[in-house]
Amino acid sequence: MSGFGLAAFGVYAFAAAALGDGYRYTEDGADYLSPFYSPDLAGWGLDVPFSSAFLVIWVPLGFRATCYYYRKAYYRAFFLSPPACAVAPRKGRYRGEAALPYLLMNAHRYFLFLATVVLGFLWYDAVRALIFDGSFGVGVGSLVLLANAILLSLFTFGCNSVRHLAGGKLDCFTCSARAQTRHRLWRGVGVLNGRHMEWAWMSLVWVGLADLYVRLAAAGVFADPRII
């Protein structure tokens, strides 16, 4: 089931990025941007012969593809390598991630840094979605984009790489004020990490729904309801 979900999301994300238009809703003073197109490089004047989304979308997709949880999900779903803990694959010798192409998964920590930059733009989009013609307002789309930024933050900052950055390579958590601060931060990240699987799936589904919501509203299928 997890393998099907990941494959379905990959197909949808590629199709949404390939369309290259219909990703922004600007009716009635609103300004909603699909998360697959954030930051809006085309809106900044970048002219490329293909959808500008492809210049950005590889970052969050790379971050998810190298995530520890997703690795377990698609290794087992697609490759049966390993099919379960302490169970060897059916053929060959299991070498873990010590050889190509699995060795490339070590890039996860670098994708984390890039994904954090993209997340910053998504928060900017969420805040901008609360501004209507220069004044504060709330539409259903505002809440959709805000929830998207929150769920992606919970997923991103619950990452195992963030736990390592917060508390890795510390032999003593109480030996100094700096170590104690890092310990508290490490424990906070650990709270998020304990539900990393849930945040992974919730944010994955929601980012697709956020793109779909903006697209349908931009296409005139429905008008975005204003709450405030």
Protein backbone atom coordinates (compact mmCIF):
# COMPACT_ATOMS: atom_id res chain seq x y z
CA MET A 1 0.00 0.00 0.00
CA SER A 2 2.81 2.42 0.87
CA GLY A 3 4.51 1.66 -2.43
CA PHE A 4 1.32 2.46 -4.35
CA GLY A 5 0.89 5.72 -2.45
CA LEU A 6 4.44 6.84 -3.20
CA ALA A 7 4.10 5.91 -6.88
CA ALA A 8 0.75 7.71 -7.19
CA PHE A 9 2.18 10.86 -5.62
CA GLY A 10 5.22 10.75 -7.89
CA VAL A 11 3.03 10.55 -11.00
CA TYR A 12 0.77 13.37 -9.79
CA ALA A 13 3.70 15.62 -8.84
CA PHE A 14 5.37 15.12 -12.23
CA ALA A 15 2.11 15.80 -14.10
CA ALA A 16 1.38 18.93 -12.04
CA ALA A 17 4.89 20.25 -12.62
CA ALA A 18 4.77 19.48 -16.36
CA LEU A 19 1.57 21.50 -16.89
CA GLY A 20 3.37 24.77 -16.28
CA ASP A 21 0.23 26.87 -15.80
CA GLY A 22 -2.94 27.11 -13.71
CA TYR A 23 -0.94 27.04 -10.49
CA ARG A 24 -1.90 30.46 -9.11
CA TYR A 25 -5.26 31.78 -7.89
CA THR A 26 -5.64 35.57 -7.80
CA GLU A 27 -9.38 36.21 -7.76
CA ASP A 28 -11.09 38.57 -5.26
CA GLY A 29 -7.78 39.89 -3.94
CA ALA A 30 -6.39 36.47 -3.03
CA ASP A 31 -2.94 35.23 -3.99
CA TYR A 32 -2.60 31.46 -3.65
CA LEU A 33 0.41 29.68 -5.13
CA SER A 34 0.63 25.91 -5.61
CA PRO A 35 3.35 24.44 -3.36
CA PHE A 36 4.82 22.61 -6.36
CA TYR A 37 5.72 26.00 -7.89
CA SER A 38 7.16 27.69 -4.82
CA PRO A 39 9.21 29.81 -5.19
CA ASP A 40 7.54 31.15 -8.34
CA LEU A 41 10.60 31.46 -10.53
CA ALA A 42 8.52 32.21 -13.62
CA GLY A 43 6.84 35.06 -11.75
CA TRP A 44 10.29 36.45 -10.98
CA GLY A 45 10.96 36.73 -14.70
CA LEU A 46 12.88 33.50 -15.29
CA ASP A 47 12.33 32.36 -18.87
CA VAL A 48 13.02 28.69 -19.54
CA PRO A 49 11.68 26.45 -22.33
CA PHE A 50 10.05 24.10 -19.80
CA SER A 51 7.98 24.37 -16.64
CA SER A 52 9.88 26.31 -13.98
CA ALA A 53 8.52 23.89 -11.37
CA PHE A 54 11.15 21.36 -12.43
CA LEU A 55 13.85 23.74 -11.18
CA VAL A 56 12.40 23.50 -7.65
CA ILE A 57 10.43 20.29 -7.25
CA TRP A 58 13.51 18.06 -7.31
CA VAL A 59 14.50 19.44 -3.89
CA PRO A 60 11.47 18.26 -1.83
CA LEU A 61 11.22 15.08 -3.89
CA GLY A 62 14.91 14.36 -3.27
CA PHE A 63 14.43 15.05 0.43
CA ARG A 64 11.55 12.58 0.62
CA ALA A 65 13.23 9.96 -1.57
CA THR A 66 16.26 9.87 0.73
CA CYS A 67 14.24 10.08 3.97
CA TYR A 68 14.88 7.16 6.32
CA TYR A 69 11.19 6.29 6.61
CA TYR A 70 10.52 6.44 2.87
CA ARG A 71 13.61 4.35 2.16
CA LYS A 72 12.20 1.56 4.31
CA ALA A 73 8.83 1.88 2.60
CA TYR A 74 9.98 1.67 -1.00
CA TYR A 75 12.92 -0.69 -0.42
CA ARG A 76 10.44 -3.25 0.87
CA ALA A 77 7.58 -2.38 -1.50
CA PHE A 78 9.55 -2.29 -4.74
CA PHE A 79 12.80 -4.19 -4.15
CA LEU A 80 12.13 -6.59 -1.24
CA SER A 81 15.58 -5.64 -0.02
CA PRO A 82 15.38 -6.37 2.82
CA PRO A 83 11.81 -7.72 3.10
CA ALA A 84 11.93 -7.27 6.90
CA CYS A 85 14.34 -6.65 9.75
CA ALA A 86 17.01 -9.34 10.03
CA VAL A 87 15.62 -11.08 6.93
CA ALA A 88 18.02 -11.34 4.01
CA PRO A 89 16.87 -10.50 0.47
CA ARG A 90 15.94 -13.38 -1.81
CA LYS A 91 18.93 -13.01 -4.09
CA GLY A 92 22.49 -11.89 -3.55
CA ARG A 93 24.20 -10.56 -0.46
CA TYR A 94 22.60 -7.67 1.38
CA ARG A 95 25.05 -4.80 1.61
CA GLY A 96 22.76 -2.17 3.01
CA GLU A 97 23.66 1.31 1.74
CA ALA A 98 27.38 0.70 1.45
CA ALA A 99 27.42 0.47 -2.35
CA LEU A 100 25.94 2.28 -5.34
CA PRO A 101 23.23 3.27 -5.98
CA TYR A 102 22.13 3.17 -2.33
CA LEU A 103 25.28 5.03 -1.28
CA LEU A 104 23.69 8.14 -2.79
CA MET A 105 21.19 8.14 0.08
CA ASN A 106 23.88 9.84 2.16
CA ALA A 107 22.86 13.03 0.34
CA HIS A 108 19.81 13.21 2.61
CA ARG A 109 21.39 15.70 5.00
CA TYR A 110 22.18 18.03 2.08
CA PHE A 111 18.64 17.74 0.75
CA LEU A 112 17.54 18.75 4.26
CA PHE A 113 19.33 22.09 3.96
CA LEU A 114 17.86 22.76 0.52
CA ALA A 115 14.37 21.63 1.59
CA THR A 116 14.50 24.04 4.53
CA VAL A 117 15.05 26.92 2.08
CA VAL A 118 12.03 25.81 0.03
CA LEU A 119 10.02 25.47 3.25
CA GLY A 120 10.81 29.10 4.02
CA PHE A 121 9.20 30.12 0.73
CA LEU A 122 6.16 27.96 1.51
CA TRP A 123 5.73 29.82 4.79
CA TYR A 124 5.99 33.10 2.89
CA ASP A 125 3.25 31.87 0.54
CA ALA A 126 1.10 30.84 3.51
CA VAL A 127 1.43 34.29 5.11
CA ARG A 128 0.77 36.02 1.78
CA ALA A 129 -2.40 33.91 1.42
CA LEU A 130 -3.71 35.76 4.48
CA ILE A 131 -3.48 39.13 2.72
CA PHE A 132 -6.34 40.25 0.47
CA ASP A 133 -5.85 43.55 -1.36
CA GLY A 134 -3.41 44.71 1.30
CA SER A 135 -5.57 43.74 4.28
CA PHE A 136 -5.71 40.71 6.53
CA GLY A 137 -8.23 38.10 5.51
CA VAL A 138 -8.84 34.37 5.64
CA GLY A 139 -10.17 32.18 2.88
CA VAL A 140 -10.40 28.41 2.77
CA GLY A 141 -7.34 28.47 0.51
CA SER A 142 -5.47 30.46 3.18
CA LEU A 143 -6.08 27.66 5.67
CA VAL A 144 -5.13 25.00 3.11
CA LEU A 145 -1.75 26.63 2.45
CA LEU A 146 -1.15 27.34 6.13
CA ALA A 147 -1.86 23.70 7.04
CA ASN A 148 0.49 22.65 4.24
CA ALA A 149 3.35 24.73 5.68
CA ILE A 150 2.70 23.40 9.20
CA LEU A 151 2.61 19.73 8.17
CA LEU A 152 5.74 20.09 6.04
CA SER A 153 7.50 21.75 8.99
CA LEU A 154 6.54 18.90 11.32
CA PHE A 155 7.84 16.39 8.78
CA THR A 156 11.04 18.31 8.02
CA PHE A 157 12.06 19.15 11.58
CA GLY A 158 11.24 15.68 12.85
CA CYS A 159 13.85 14.27 10.47
CA ASN A 160 16.60 12.02 11.86
CA SER A 161 19.20 14.30 10.32
CA VAL A 162 17.81 17.20 12.37
CA ARG A 163 18.09 15.05 15.51
CA HIS A 164 21.74 14.43 14.66
CA LEU A 165 22.35 18.15 14.08
CA ALA A 166 20.69 18.94 17.41
CA GLY A 167 22.32 16.35 19.64
CA GLY A 168 24.79 14.30 17.62
CA LYS A 169 28.41 13.83 18.69
CA LEU A 170 27.67 14.85 22.29
CA ASP A 171 29.17 12.55 24.91
CA CYS A 172 27.56 14.44 27.78
CA PHE A 173 24.25 16.31 27.78
CA THR A 174 24.80 18.05 31.15
CA CYS A 175 28.46 19.10 31.02
CA SER A 176 27.82 22.68 29.88
CA ALA A 177 25.01 25.14 29.27
CA ARG A 178 25.48 24.65 25.52
CA ALA A 179 25.20 20.87 25.89
CA GLN A 180 22.05 21.23 27.99
CA THR A 181 20.50 23.50 25.38
CA ARG A 182 21.31 21.01 22.65
CA HIS A 183 19.84 18.23 24.81
CA ARG A 184 16.54 20.10 25.15
CA LEU A 185 16.51 20.75 21.42
CA TRP A 186 17.31 17.08 20.73
CA ARG A 187 14.44 15.98 22.95
CA GLY A 188 12.08 18.39 21.20
CA VAL A 189 13.05 17.03 17.80
CA GLY A 190 12.62 13.54 19.23
CA VAL A 191 8.96 14.29 19.99
CA LEU A 192 8.38 15.09 16.33
CA ASN A 193 10.53 12.17 15.22
CA GLY A 194 8.37 9.76 17.21
CA ARG A 195 5.55 10.44 14.73
CA HIS A 196 7.74 10.86 11.68
CA MET A 197 5.78 8.29 9.68
CA GLU A 198 2.49 10.08 10.34
CA TRP A 199 3.93 13.49 9.43
CA ALA A 200 5.48 11.98 6.30
CA TRP A 201 2.16 10.67 4.97
CA MET A 202 0.01 13.57 6.14
CA SER A 203 2.31 16.15 4.55
CA LEU A 204 2.63 14.08 1.38
CA VAL A 205 -1.13 13.86 0.89
CA TRP A 206 -1.74 17.46 1.92
CA VAL A 207 0.79 19.00 -0.46
CA GLY A 208 -0.98 17.21 -3.33
CA LEU A 209 -4.38 18.40 -2.07
CA ALA A 210 -3.07 21.97 -1.74
CA ASP A 211 -1.92 21.93 -5.36
CA LEU A 212 -5.26 20.47 -6.46
CA TYR A 213 -7.21 23.08 -4.48
CA VAL A 214 -5.32 25.99 -6.06
CA ARG A 215 -5.67 24.48 -9.53
CA LEU A 216 -9.42 23.89 -9.28
CA ALA A 217 -9.99 27.38 -7.90
CA ALA A 218 -7.81 28.94 -10.62
CA ALA A 219 -9.70 26.96 -13.28
CA GLY A 220 -13.00 28.39 -12.04
CA VAL A 221 -14.37 25.06 -10.82
CA PHE A 222 -15.33 26.84 -7.58
CA ALA A 223 -14.80 30.21 -5.94
CA ASP A 224 -12.59 30.24 -2.87
CA PRO A 225 -14.93 30.82 0.12
CA ARG A 226 -13.96 33.81 2.30
CA ILE A 227 -14.16 33.30 6.05
CA ILE A 228 -12.93 36.73 7.15
